[in-house]
Amino acid sequence: MFKNTMKTGVLLASLGGLIVAVATMLGGRGGATIGLVLAFVMVGGSYWFSDKLALKSARARVITEADHPEFYGMVRSLAERANLPMPTVAIAPSDQPNAFATGRGPKKAVVCATEGLLTSMPRAEVEAVMAHELMHVKHRDILIGSVAAAIATAISYVAQMAMFASMFGGNSNDEDRPNPIAVMAMALLAPMAAGLIQMAVSRSREFEADRGAAELLGSGRELANALERIEQLAVRRPMAVAPAQAQMYIHNPLAEAHGGKNAATMARLFSTHPATEERIRRLRGM
């Protein structure tokens, strides 16, 4: 747990340092201030409205215990065991077995399962998946993910804004202006670096939620089995979801079959989720 927490902290600090460096290089102190203000505004917006955005993207409906007593009761039991308030429960109309958690914190959390998860998986595996999602709530991963995504987006925005200003604005003989070639390089490389760090943050939180779910249930076996089954079914049952929301799910809903070892390695580098086989290996070792 400590190792993953430290890794997340280092990655978030790297993102913060990157936005300051990019904004300062491209716009001086004024650019750094703009970048930081922009990041905080975007963090606030994405964090505050994360539940509404996620539910709308998944076309999910909030349910009550009367709507689906078995599933609702399962979530309530898990929340009690995890010492969490009862979250809002929702179901998304997708055949792909999947689930996500969202919300501003434990008292405003939402957990959502797809219809495919509830109809394609044994009860014990559904329980393991929802335990994983509740661990995201317990660890406040929605906030961490919102911060990482917002800062990464702000870096991209600042870099592009500076690039256009360098190309089309001001006097070309102005000695205070940054080198246009350096600006172009930074505008291309900084967003890529920010995206890679953001994805690494997301992967570290998935491992931590897996570990927490295994501890809550007393074993990692059922979650490992669930991930294995989801991996097999997800490719055959595509899910329509906004790419920006994909990182919240237990398994990337937009994942496709990899075309070989090299392609798989590159895909994992740019993925918001760890390799499923690595997650399964760790869980079965618990």
C-alpha atoms as a PDB file:
ATOM      1  CA  MET A   1       0.000   0.000   0.000  1.00  0.00           C
ATOM      2  CA  PHE A   2       2.748   2.477   0.994  1.00  0.00           C
ATOM      3  CA  LYS A   3       4.657   1.820  -2.234  1.00  0.00           C
ATOM      4  CA  ASN A   4       1.628   2.526  -4.443  1.00  0.00           C
ATOM      5  CA  THR A   5       0.695   5.619  -2.408  1.00  0.00           C
ATOM      6  CA  MET A   6       4.208   7.007  -2.712  1.00  0.00           C
ATOM      7  CA  LYS A   7       4.232   6.275  -6.441  1.00  0.00           C
ATOM      8  CA  THR A   8       0.965   8.170  -6.896  1.00  0.00           C
ATOM      9  CA  GLY A   9       2.307  11.128  -4.919  1.00  0.00           C
ATOM     10  CA  VAL A  10       5.479  11.279  -6.978  1.00  0.00           C
ATOM     11  CA  LEU A  11       3.534  11.104 -10.245  1.00  0.00           C
ATOM     12  CA  LEU A  12       1.135  13.871  -9.199  1.00  0.00           C
ATOM     13  CA  ALA A  13       4.036  16.027  -8.080  1.00  0.00           C
ATOM     14  CA  SER A  14       5.672  15.413 -11.470  1.00  0.00           C
ATOM     15  CA  LEU A  15       2.527  16.614 -13.212  1.00  0.00           C
ATOM     16  CA  GLY A  16       2.437  19.735 -11.059  1.00  0.00           C
ATOM     17  CA  GLY A  17       6.089  20.456 -11.747  1.00  0.00           C
ATOM     18  CA  LEU A  18       5.609  19.872 -15.468  1.00  0.00           C
ATOM     19  CA  ILE A  19       2.793  22.395 -15.818  1.00  0.00           C
ATOM     20  CA  VAL A  20       4.796  25.051 -13.986  1.00  0.00           C
ATOM     21  CA  ALA A  21       7.869  24.325 -16.139  1.00  0.00           C
ATOM     22  CA  VAL A  22       5.894  24.410 -19.385  1.00  0.00           C
ATOM     23  CA  ALA A  23       3.993  27.567 -18.525  1.00  0.00           C
ATOM     24  CA  THR A  24       7.118  29.353 -17.269  1.00  0.00           C
ATOM     25  CA  MET A  25       9.178  28.447 -20.338  1.00  0.00           C
ATOM     26  CA  LEU A  26       6.468  29.478 -22.757  1.00  0.00           C
ATOM     27  CA  GLY A  27       5.009  32.453 -20.954  1.00  0.00           C
ATOM     28  CA  GLY A  28       7.256  33.476 -18.058  1.00  0.00           C
ATOM     29  CA  ARG A  29       5.734  34.133 -14.641  1.00  0.00           C
ATOM     30  CA  GLY A  30       2.476  35.222 -16.215  1.00  0.00           C
ATOM     31  CA  GLY A  31       2.277  31.956 -18.133  1.00  0.00           C
ATOM     32  CA  ALA A  32       2.930  29.940 -14.971  1.00  0.00           C
ATOM     33  CA  THR A  33       0.139  31.773 -13.147  1.00  0.00           C
ATOM     34  CA  ILE A  34      -2.283  31.215 -16.025  1.00  0.00           C
ATOM     35  CA  GLY A  35      -1.381  27.527 -16.127  1.00  0.00           C
ATOM     36  CA  LEU A  36      -1.906  27.019 -12.397  1.00  0.00           C
ATOM     37  CA  VAL A  37      -5.201  28.940 -12.324  1.00  0.00           C
ATOM     38  CA  LEU A  38      -6.415  26.991 -15.342  1.00  0.00           C
ATOM     39  CA  ALA A  39      -5.480  23.689 -13.712  1.00  0.00           C
ATOM     40  CA  PHE A  40      -7.328  24.531 -10.473  1.00  0.00           C
ATOM     41  CA  VAL A  41     -10.449  25.644 -12.350  1.00  0.00           C
ATOM     42  CA  MET A  42     -10.467  22.443 -14.391  1.00  0.00           C
ATOM     43  CA  VAL A  43      -9.847  20.302 -11.294  1.00  0.00           C
ATOM     44  CA  GLY A  44     -12.775  21.924  -9.505  1.00  0.00           C
ATOM     45  CA  GLY A  45     -15.150  21.491 -12.430  1.00  0.00           C
ATOM     46  CA  SER A  46     -14.273  17.896 -13.217  1.00  0.00           C
ATOM     47  CA  TYR A  47     -14.306  16.915  -9.532  1.00  0.00           C
ATOM     48  CA  TRP A  48     -17.600  18.613  -8.663  1.00  0.00           C
ATOM     49  CA  PHE A  49     -19.567  17.255 -11.628  1.00  0.00           C
ATOM     50  CA  SER A  50     -17.795  13.881 -12.038  1.00  0.00           C
ATOM     51  CA  ASP A  51     -20.832  11.811 -10.990  1.00  0.00           C
ATOM     52  CA  LYS A  52     -23.260  13.509 -13.376  1.00  0.00           C
ATOM     53  CA  LEU A  53     -20.816  13.361 -16.286  1.00  0.00           C
ATOM     54  CA  ALA A  54     -20.024   9.684 -15.735  1.00  0.00           C
ATOM     55  CA  LEU A  55     -23.649   8.593 -15.402  1.00  0.00           C
ATOM     56  CA  LYS A  56     -24.643  10.545 -18.494  1.00  0.00           C
ATOM     57  CA  SER A  57     -21.750   9.103 -20.507  1.00  0.00           C
ATOM     58  CA  ALA A  58     -22.752   5.557 -19.518  1.00  0.00           C
ATOM     59  CA  ARG A  59     -26.496   6.263 -19.984  1.00  0.00           C
ATOM     60  CA  ALA A  60     -26.903   4.795 -16.508  1.00  0.00           C
ATOM     61  CA  ARG A  61     -29.988   4.976 -14.306  1.00  0.00           C
ATOM     62  CA  VAL A  62     -29.932   5.273 -10.525  1.00  0.00           C
ATOM     63  CA  ILE A  63     -31.749   2.398  -8.815  1.00  0.00           C
ATOM     64  CA  THR A  64     -33.329   1.758  -5.431  1.00  0.00           C
ATOM     65  CA  GLU A  65     -33.485  -1.430  -3.404  1.00  0.00           C
ATOM     66  CA  ALA A  66     -36.974  -2.073  -4.779  1.00  0.00           C
ATOM     67  CA  ASP A  67     -35.637  -1.977  -8.350  1.00  0.00           C
ATOM     68  CA  HIS A  68     -32.903  -4.582  -7.841  1.00  0.00           C
ATOM     69  CA  PRO A  69     -32.905  -5.909  -4.252  1.00  0.00           C
ATOM     70  CA  GLU A  70     -30.116  -8.506  -4.637  1.00  0.00           C
ATOM     71  CA  PHE A  71     -27.575  -6.189  -6.262  1.00  0.00           C
ATOM     72  CA  TYR A  72     -28.472  -3.235  -4.035  1.00  0.00           C
ATOM     73  CA  GLY A  73     -28.205  -5.405  -0.928  1.00  0.00           C
ATOM     74  CA  MET A  74     -24.809  -6.703  -2.069  1.00  0.00           C
ATOM     75  CA  VAL A  75     -23.460  -3.145  -2.394  1.00  0.00           C
ATOM     76  CA  ARG A  76     -24.886  -2.185   0.992  1.00  0.00           C
ATOM     77  CA  SER A  77     -23.262  -5.202   2.663  1.00  0.00           C
ATOM     78  CA  LEU A  78     -19.886  -4.436   1.080  1.00  0.00           C
ATOM     79  CA  ALA A  79     -20.115  -0.762   2.072  1.00  0.00           C
ATOM     80  CA  GLU A  80     -20.816  -1.741   5.680  1.00  0.00           C
ATOM     81  CA  ARG A  81     -17.846  -4.136   5.722  1.00  0.00           C
ATOM     82  CA  ALA A  82     -15.628  -1.386   4.297  1.00  0.00           C
ATOM     83  CA  ASN A  83     -16.922   1.184   6.832  1.00  0.00           C
ATOM     84  CA  LEU A  84     -18.263   3.385   4.042  1.00  0.00           C
ATOM     85  CA  PRO A  85     -21.555   5.299   3.745  1.00  0.00           C
ATOM     86  CA  MET A  86     -24.078   3.694   1.418  1.00  0.00           C
ATOM     87  CA  PRO A  87     -23.301   4.984  -2.090  1.00  0.00           C
ATOM     88  CA  THR A  88     -25.801   5.775  -4.823  1.00  0.00           C
ATOM     89  CA  VAL A  89     -26.211   2.650  -6.961  1.00  0.00           C
ATOM     90  CA  ALA A  90     -26.732   2.698 -10.728  1.00  0.00           C
ATOM     91  CA  ILE A  91     -26.979   0.280 -13.651  1.00  0.00           C
ATOM     92  CA  ALA A  92     -25.790   1.034 -17.195  1.00  0.00           C
ATOM     93  CA  PRO A  93     -27.528  -0.568 -20.223  1.00  0.00           C
ATOM     94  CA  SER A  94     -24.475  -2.220 -21.761  1.00  0.00           C
ATOM     95  CA  ASP A  95     -23.904  -5.894 -22.540  1.00  0.00           C
ATOM     96  CA  GLN A  96     -20.193  -5.560 -21.747  1.00  0.00           C
ATOM     97  CA  PRO A  97     -19.432  -6.715 -18.180  1.00  0.00           C
ATOM     98  CA  ASN A  98     -17.933  -3.681 -16.474  1.00  0.00           C
ATOM     99  CA  ALA A  99     -18.328  -1.272 -13.551  1.00  0.00           C
ATOM    100  CA  PHE A 100     -17.107   2.098 -12.297  1.00  0.00           C
ATOM    101  CA  ALA A 101     -17.181   4.375  -9.269  1.00  0.00           C
ATOM    102  CA  THR A 102     -17.451   8.137  -9.271  1.00  0.00           C
ATOM    103  CA  GLY A 103     -18.473  11.058  -7.057  1.00  0.00           C
ATOM    104  CA  ARG A 104     -16.861  13.739  -4.904  1.00  0.00           C
ATOM    105  CA  GLY A 105     -16.059  11.481  -1.943  1.00  0.00           C
ATOM    106  CA  PRO A 106     -17.388   8.676   0.266  1.00  0.00           C
ATOM    107  CA  LYS A 107     -20.510  10.657   1.219  1.00  0.00           C
ATOM    108  CA  LYS A 108     -21.302  11.553  -2.419  1.00  0.00           C
ATOM    109  CA  ALA A 109     -20.168   8.364  -4.147  1.00  0.00           C
ATOM    110  CA  VAL A 110     -21.838   6.495  -6.993  1.00  0.00           C
ATOM    111  CA  VAL A 111     -21.094   2.901  -7.982  1.00  0.00           C
ATOM    112  CA  CYS A 112     -22.398   1.612 -11.279  1.00  0.00           C
ATOM    113  CA  ALA A 113     -22.473  -1.853 -12.846  1.00  0.00           C
ATOM    114  CA  THR A 114     -23.426  -2.685 -16.395  1.00  0.00           C
ATOM    115  CA  GLU A 115     -26.264  -5.052 -17.157  1.00  0.00           C
ATOM    116  CA  GLY A 116     -23.665  -7.302 -18.773  1.00  0.00           C
ATOM    117  CA  LEU A 117     -21.818  -7.616 -15.465  1.00  0.00           C
ATOM    118  CA  LEU A 118     -24.979  -8.636 -13.615  1.00  0.00           C
ATOM    119  CA  THR A 119     -26.126 -11.161 -16.219  1.00  0.00           C
ATOM    120  CA  SER A 120     -22.784 -12.663 -17.335  1.00  0.00           C
ATOM    121  CA  MET A 121     -20.939 -13.135 -14.051  1.00  0.00           C
ATOM    122  CA  PRO A 122     -21.381 -15.403 -11.019  1.00  0.00           C
ATOM    123  CA  ARG A 123     -22.506 -13.616  -7.878  1.00  0.00           C
ATOM    124  CA  ALA A 124     -19.144 -13.995  -6.132  1.00  0.00           C
ATOM    125  CA  GLU A 125     -17.365 -12.321  -9.066  1.00  0.00           C
ATOM    126  CA  VAL A 126     -19.889  -9.461  -9.207  1.00  0.00           C
ATOM    127  CA  GLU A 127     -19.268  -8.963  -5.480  1.00  0.00           C
ATOM    128  CA  ALA A 128     -15.514  -8.854  -6.071  1.00  0.00           C
ATOM    129  CA  VAL A 129     -15.899  -6.246  -8.833  1.00  0.00           C
ATOM    130  CA  MET A 130     -18.065  -4.029  -6.639  1.00  0.00           C
ATOM    131  CA  ALA A 131     -15.601  -4.408  -3.758  1.00  0.00           C
ATOM    132  CA  HIS A 132     -12.934  -3.072  -6.132  1.00  0.00           C
ATOM    133  CA  GLU A 133     -15.117  -0.077  -6.993  1.00  0.00           C
ATOM    134  CA  LEU A 134     -15.804   0.675  -3.337  1.00  0.00           C
ATOM    135  CA  MET A 135     -12.052   0.682  -2.710  1.00  0.00           C
ATOM    136  CA  HIS A 136     -11.770   3.488  -5.274  1.00  0.00           C
ATOM    137  CA  VAL A 137     -14.302   5.382  -3.159  1.00  0.00           C
ATOM    138  CA  LYS A 138     -12.464   4.605   0.091  1.00  0.00           C
ATOM    139  CA  HIS A 139      -9.101   5.707  -1.358  1.00  0.00           C
ATOM    140  CA  ARG A 140     -10.620   8.873  -2.910  1.00  0.00           C
ATOM    141  CA  ASP A 141      -9.312   7.840  -6.313  1.00  0.00           C
ATOM    142  CA  ILE A 142     -11.974   9.906  -8.076  1.00  0.00           C
ATOM    143  CA  LEU A 143     -10.336  13.058  -6.685  1.00  0.00           C
ATOM    144  CA  ILE A 144      -6.819  11.836  -7.530  1.00  0.00           C
ATOM    145  CA  GLY A 145      -7.852  10.936 -11.080  1.00  0.00           C
ATOM    146  CA  SER A 146      -9.626  14.266 -11.549  1.00  0.00           C
ATOM    147  CA  VAL A 147      -6.550  16.184 -10.423  1.00  0.00           C
ATOM    148  CA  ALA A 148      -4.247  14.220 -12.734  1.00  0.00           C
ATOM    149  CA  ALA A 149      -6.566  14.544 -15.742  1.00  0.00           C
ATOM    150  CA  ALA A 150      -7.195  18.237 -15.190  1.00  0.00           C
ATOM    151  CA  ILE A 151      -3.511  19.107 -14.869  1.00  0.00           C
ATOM    152  CA  ALA A 152      -2.632  17.046 -17.934  1.00  0.00           C
ATOM    153  CA  THR A 153      -5.352  18.838 -19.911  1.00  0.00           C
ATOM    154  CA  ALA A 154      -4.158  22.217 -18.652  1.00  0.00           C
ATOM    155  CA  ILE A 155      -0.606  21.428 -19.797  1.00  0.00           C
ATOM    156  CA  SER A 156      -1.884  20.621 -23.272  1.00  0.00           C
ATOM    157  CA  TYR A 157      -3.942  23.807 -23.384  1.00  0.00           C
ATOM    158  CA  VAL A 158      -1.109  26.059 -22.213  1.00  0.00           C
ATOM    159  CA  ALA A 159       1.329  24.460 -24.665  1.00  0.00           C
ATOM    160  CA  GLN A 160      -1.031  24.894 -27.615  1.00  0.00           C
ATOM    161  CA  MET A 161      -1.892  28.450 -26.617  1.00  0.00           C
ATOM    162  CA  ALA A 162       1.781  29.367 -26.444  1.00  0.00           C
ATOM    163  CA  MET A 163       2.487  27.660 -29.763  1.00  0.00           C
ATOM    164  CA  PHE A 164      -0.138  29.691 -31.597  1.00  0.00           C
ATOM    165  CA  ALA A 165       0.973  32.886 -29.865  1.00  0.00           C
ATOM    166  CA  SER A 166       4.550  32.228 -30.925  1.00  0.00           C
ATOM    167  CA  MET A 167       3.579  31.505 -34.517  1.00  0.00           C
ATOM    168  CA  PHE A 168       1.104  34.311 -35.103  1.00  0.00           C
ATOM    169  CA  GLY A 169       1.507  36.900 -32.394  1.00  0.00           C
ATOM    170  CA  GLY A 170       3.869  39.738 -31.651  1.00  0.00           C
ATOM    171  CA  ASN A 171       7.003  41.061 -33.291  1.00  0.00           C
ATOM    172  CA  SER A 172       9.331  38.377 -34.669  1.00  0.00           C
ATOM    173  CA  ASN A 173      12.321  40.538 -33.594  1.00  0.00           C
ATOM    174  CA  ASP A 174      11.245  40.626 -29.984  1.00  0.00           C
ATOM    175  CA  GLU A 175      14.215  39.250 -28.016  1.00  0.00           C
ATOM    176  CA  ASP A 176      12.024  38.285 -25.055  1.00  0.00           C
ATOM    177  CA  ARG A 177      10.011  35.841 -27.107  1.00  0.00           C
ATOM    178  CA  PRO A 178      10.983  32.161 -26.704  1.00  0.00           C
ATOM    179  CA  ASN A 179      12.614  30.345 -29.578  1.00  0.00           C
ATOM    180  CA  PRO A 180       9.799  29.206 -31.945  1.00  0.00           C
ATOM    181  CA  ILE A 181      11.471  25.827 -32.468  1.00  0.00           C
ATOM    182  CA  ALA A 182      11.682  25.266 -28.700  1.00  0.00           C
ATOM    183  CA  VAL A 183       8.049  26.290 -28.355  1.00  0.00           C
ATOM    184  CA  MET A 184       6.977  23.844 -31.062  1.00  0.00           C
ATOM    185  CA  ALA A 185       8.969  21.016 -29.434  1.00  0.00           C
ATOM    186  CA  MET A 186       7.532  21.782 -26.007  1.00  0.00           C
ATOM    187  CA  ALA A 187       4.003  22.037 -27.414  1.00  0.00           C
ATOM    188  CA  LEU A 188       4.355  18.543 -28.897  1.00  0.00           C
ATOM    189  CA  LEU A 189       6.289  16.781 -26.129  1.00  0.00           C
ATOM    190  CA  ALA A 190       4.787  18.285 -22.956  1.00  0.00           C
ATOM    191  CA  PRO A 191       1.223  17.024 -23.540  1.00  0.00           C
ATOM    192  CA  MET A 192       2.589  13.564 -24.357  1.00  0.00           C
ATOM    193  CA  ALA A 193       4.635  13.504 -21.158  1.00  0.00           C
ATOM    194  CA  ALA A 194       1.645  14.746 -19.139  1.00  0.00           C
ATOM    195  CA  GLY A 195      -0.570  12.058 -20.644  1.00  0.00           C
ATOM    196  CA  LEU A 196       1.927   9.315 -19.818  1.00  0.00           C
ATOM    197  CA  ILE A 197       2.160  10.477 -16.205  1.00  0.00           C
ATOM    198  CA  GLN A 198      -1.634  10.721 -15.936  1.00  0.00           C
ATOM    199  CA  MET A 199      -2.000   7.159 -17.206  1.00  0.00           C
ATOM    200  CA  ALA A 200       0.655   5.927 -14.774  1.00  0.00           C
ATOM    201  CA  VAL A 201      -1.324   7.517 -11.912  1.00  0.00           C
ATOM    202  CA  SER A 202      -4.454   5.695 -13.070  1.00  0.00           C
ATOM    203  CA  ARG A 203      -2.633   2.349 -13.287  1.00  0.00           C
ATOM    204  CA  SER A 204      -1.213   2.695  -9.776  1.00  0.00           C
ATOM    205  CA  ARG A 205      -4.692   3.347  -8.340  1.00  0.00           C
ATOM    206  CA  GLU A 206      -6.098   0.248 -10.075  1.00  0.00           C
ATOM    207  CA  PHE A 207      -3.491  -1.942  -8.392  1.00  0.00           C
ATOM    208  CA  GLU A 208      -4.322  -0.357  -5.037  1.00  0.00           C
ATOM    209  CA  ALA A 209      -8.077  -0.925  -5.495  1.00  0.00           C
ATOM    210  CA  ASP A 210      -7.401  -4.564  -6.426  1.00  0.00           C
ATOM    211  CA  ARG A 211      -5.380  -5.012  -3.248  1.00  0.00           C
ATOM    212  CA  GLY A 212      -8.054  -3.371  -1.101  1.00  0.00           C
ATOM    213  CA  ALA A 213     -10.813  -5.533  -2.577  1.00  0.00           C
ATOM    214  CA  ALA A 214      -8.799  -8.704  -1.939  1.00  0.00           C
ATOM    215  CA  GLU A 215      -8.271  -7.688   1.688  1.00  0.00           C
ATOM    216  CA  LEU A 216     -11.964  -6.861   2.142  1.00  0.00           C
ATOM    217  CA  LEU A 217     -13.044 -10.240   0.748  1.00  0.00           C
ATOM    218  CA  GLY A 218     -10.237 -12.243   2.347  1.00  0.00           C
ATOM    219  CA  SER A 219      -8.902 -13.463  -1.005  1.00  0.00           C
ATOM    220  CA  GLY A 220      -7.954 -12.173  -4.439  1.00  0.00           C
ATOM    221  CA  ARG A 221      -9.243 -15.281  -6.208  1.00  0.00           C
ATOM    222  CA  GLU A 222     -12.752 -14.103  -7.125  1.00  0.00           C
ATOM    223  CA  LEU A 223     -11.574 -10.723  -8.421  1.00  0.00           C
ATOM    224  CA  ALA A 224      -8.875 -12.456 -10.473  1.00  0.00           C
ATOM    225  CA  ASN A 225     -11.529 -14.755 -11.953  1.00  0.00           C
ATOM    226  CA  ALA A 226     -13.772 -11.768 -12.660  1.00  0.00           C
ATOM    227  CA  LEU A 227     -11.014  -9.865 -14.459  1.00  0.00           C
ATOM    228  CA  GLU A 228     -10.201 -12.926 -16.527  1.00  0.00           C
ATOM    229  CA  ARG A 229     -13.830 -13.305 -17.574  1.00  0.00           C
ATOM    230  CA  ILE A 230     -14.235  -9.574 -18.309  1.00  0.00           C
ATOM    231  CA  GLU A 231     -11.074  -9.613 -20.429  1.00  0.00           C
ATOM    232  CA  GLN A 232     -12.505 -12.433 -22.546  1.00  0.00           C
ATOM    233  CA  LEU A 233     -15.946 -10.856 -22.992  1.00  0.00           C
ATOM    234  CA  ALA A 234     -15.105  -7.158 -23.312  1.00  0.00           C
ATOM    235  CA  VAL A 235     -13.590  -7.378 -26.800  1.00  0.00           C
ATOM    236  CA  ARG A 236     -16.643  -9.259 -28.095  1.00  0.00           C
ATOM    237  CA  ARG A 237     -19.101  -6.815 -26.531  1.00  0.00           C
ATOM    238  CA  PRO A 238     -18.131  -3.236 -27.435  1.00  0.00           C
ATOM    239  CA  MET A 239     -19.294  -0.433 -25.166  1.00  0.00           C
ATOM    240  CA  ALA A 240     -20.128   3.117 -26.225  1.00  0.00           C
ATOM    241  CA  VAL A 241     -18.513   5.426 -23.675  1.00  0.00           C
ATOM    242  CA  ALA A 242     -16.673   8.737 -23.894  1.00  0.00           C
ATOM    243  CA  PRO A 243     -12.881   8.148 -23.975  1.00  0.00           C
ATOM    244  CA  ALA A 244     -12.432  10.642 -21.129  1.00  0.00           C
ATOM    245  CA  GLN A 245     -14.591   8.424 -18.882  1.00  0.00           C
ATOM    246  CA  ALA A 246     -12.894   5.117 -19.762  1.00  0.00           C
ATOM    247  CA  GLN A 247     -10.284   5.331 -16.998  1.00  0.00           C
ATOM    248  CA  MET A 248     -12.969   5.019 -14.293  1.00  0.00           C
ATOM    249  CA  TYR A 249     -14.001   1.489 -15.255  1.00  0.00           C
ATOM    250  CA  ILE A 250     -12.497  -1.647 -13.705  1.00  0.00           C
ATOM    251  CA  HIS A 251     -11.515  -2.750 -17.226  1.00  0.00           C
ATOM    252  CA  ASN A 252     -10.947  -0.339 -20.103  1.00  0.00           C
ATOM    253  CA  PRO A 253     -14.307  -0.445 -21.948  1.00  0.00           C
ATOM    254  CA  LEU A 254     -12.621   0.671 -25.180  1.00  0.00           C
ATOM    255  CA  ALA A 255      -9.875  -1.975 -25.090  1.00  0.00           C
ATOM    256  CA  GLU A 256      -9.172  -3.948 -28.241  1.00  0.00           C
ATOM    257  CA  ALA A 257      -7.221  -7.134 -28.869  1.00  0.00           C
ATOM    258  CA  HIS A 258      -3.467  -6.439 -29.150  1.00  0.00           C
ATOM    259  CA  GLY A 259      -1.666  -7.279 -32.373  1.00  0.00           C
ATOM    260  CA  GLY A 260       1.515  -8.856 -31.048  1.00  0.00           C
ATOM    261  CA  LYS A 261       4.068  -8.411 -28.279  1.00  0.00           C
ATOM    262  CA  ASN A 262       5.464  -5.043 -29.395  1.00  0.00           C
ATOM    263  CA  ALA A 263       2.007  -3.614 -30.024  1.00  0.00           C
ATOM    264  CA  ALA A 264       0.858  -4.847 -26.611  1.00  0.00           C
ATOM    265  CA  THR A 265       3.844  -3.231 -24.878  1.00  0.00           C
ATOM    266  CA  MET A 266       3.168   0.140 -26.507  1.00  0.00           C
ATOM    267  CA  ALA A 267      -0.559  -0.132 -25.795  1.00  0.00           C
ATOM    268  CA  ARG A 268       0.134  -0.733 -22.099  1.00  0.00           C
ATOM    269  CA  LEU A 269       2.446   2.273 -21.915  1.00  0.00           C
ATOM    270  CA  PHE A 270      -0.383   4.486 -23.158  1.00  0.00           C
ATOM    271  CA  SER A 271      -3.114   2.675 -21.170  1.00  0.00           C
ATOM    272  CA  THR A 272      -5.037   3.939 -18.153  1.00  0.00           C
ATOM    273  CA  HIS A 273      -5.255   0.352 -16.844  1.00  0.00           C
ATOM    274  CA  PRO A 274      -2.497  -2.121 -15.926  1.00  0.00           C
ATOM    275  CA  ALA A 275      -2.170  -5.279 -17.998  1.00  0.00           C
ATOM    276  CA  THR A 276      -4.979  -7.605 -16.932  1.00  0.00           C
ATOM    277  CA  GLU A 277      -2.633 -10.589 -16.720  1.00  0.00           C
ATOM    278  CA  GLU A 278      -0.431  -8.660 -14.259  1.00  0.00           C
ATOM    279  CA  ARG A 279      -3.431  -7.761 -12.124  1.00  0.00           C
ATOM    280  CA  ILE A 280      -4.552 -11.407 -12.130  1.00  0.00           C
ATOM    281  CA  ARG A 281      -1.054 -12.617 -11.213  1.00  0.00           C
ATOM    282  CA  ARG A 282      -0.884 -10.275  -8.244  1.00  0.00           C
ATOM    283  CA  LEU A 283      -4.377 -11.143  -7.040  1.00  0.00           C
ATOM    284  CA  ARG A 284      -3.798 -14.884  -7.207  1.00  0.00           C
ATOM    285  CA  GLY A 285      -0.612 -14.375  -5.226  1.00  0.00           C
ATOM    286  CA  MET A 286      -2.535 -12.848  -2.323  1.00  0.00           C
END
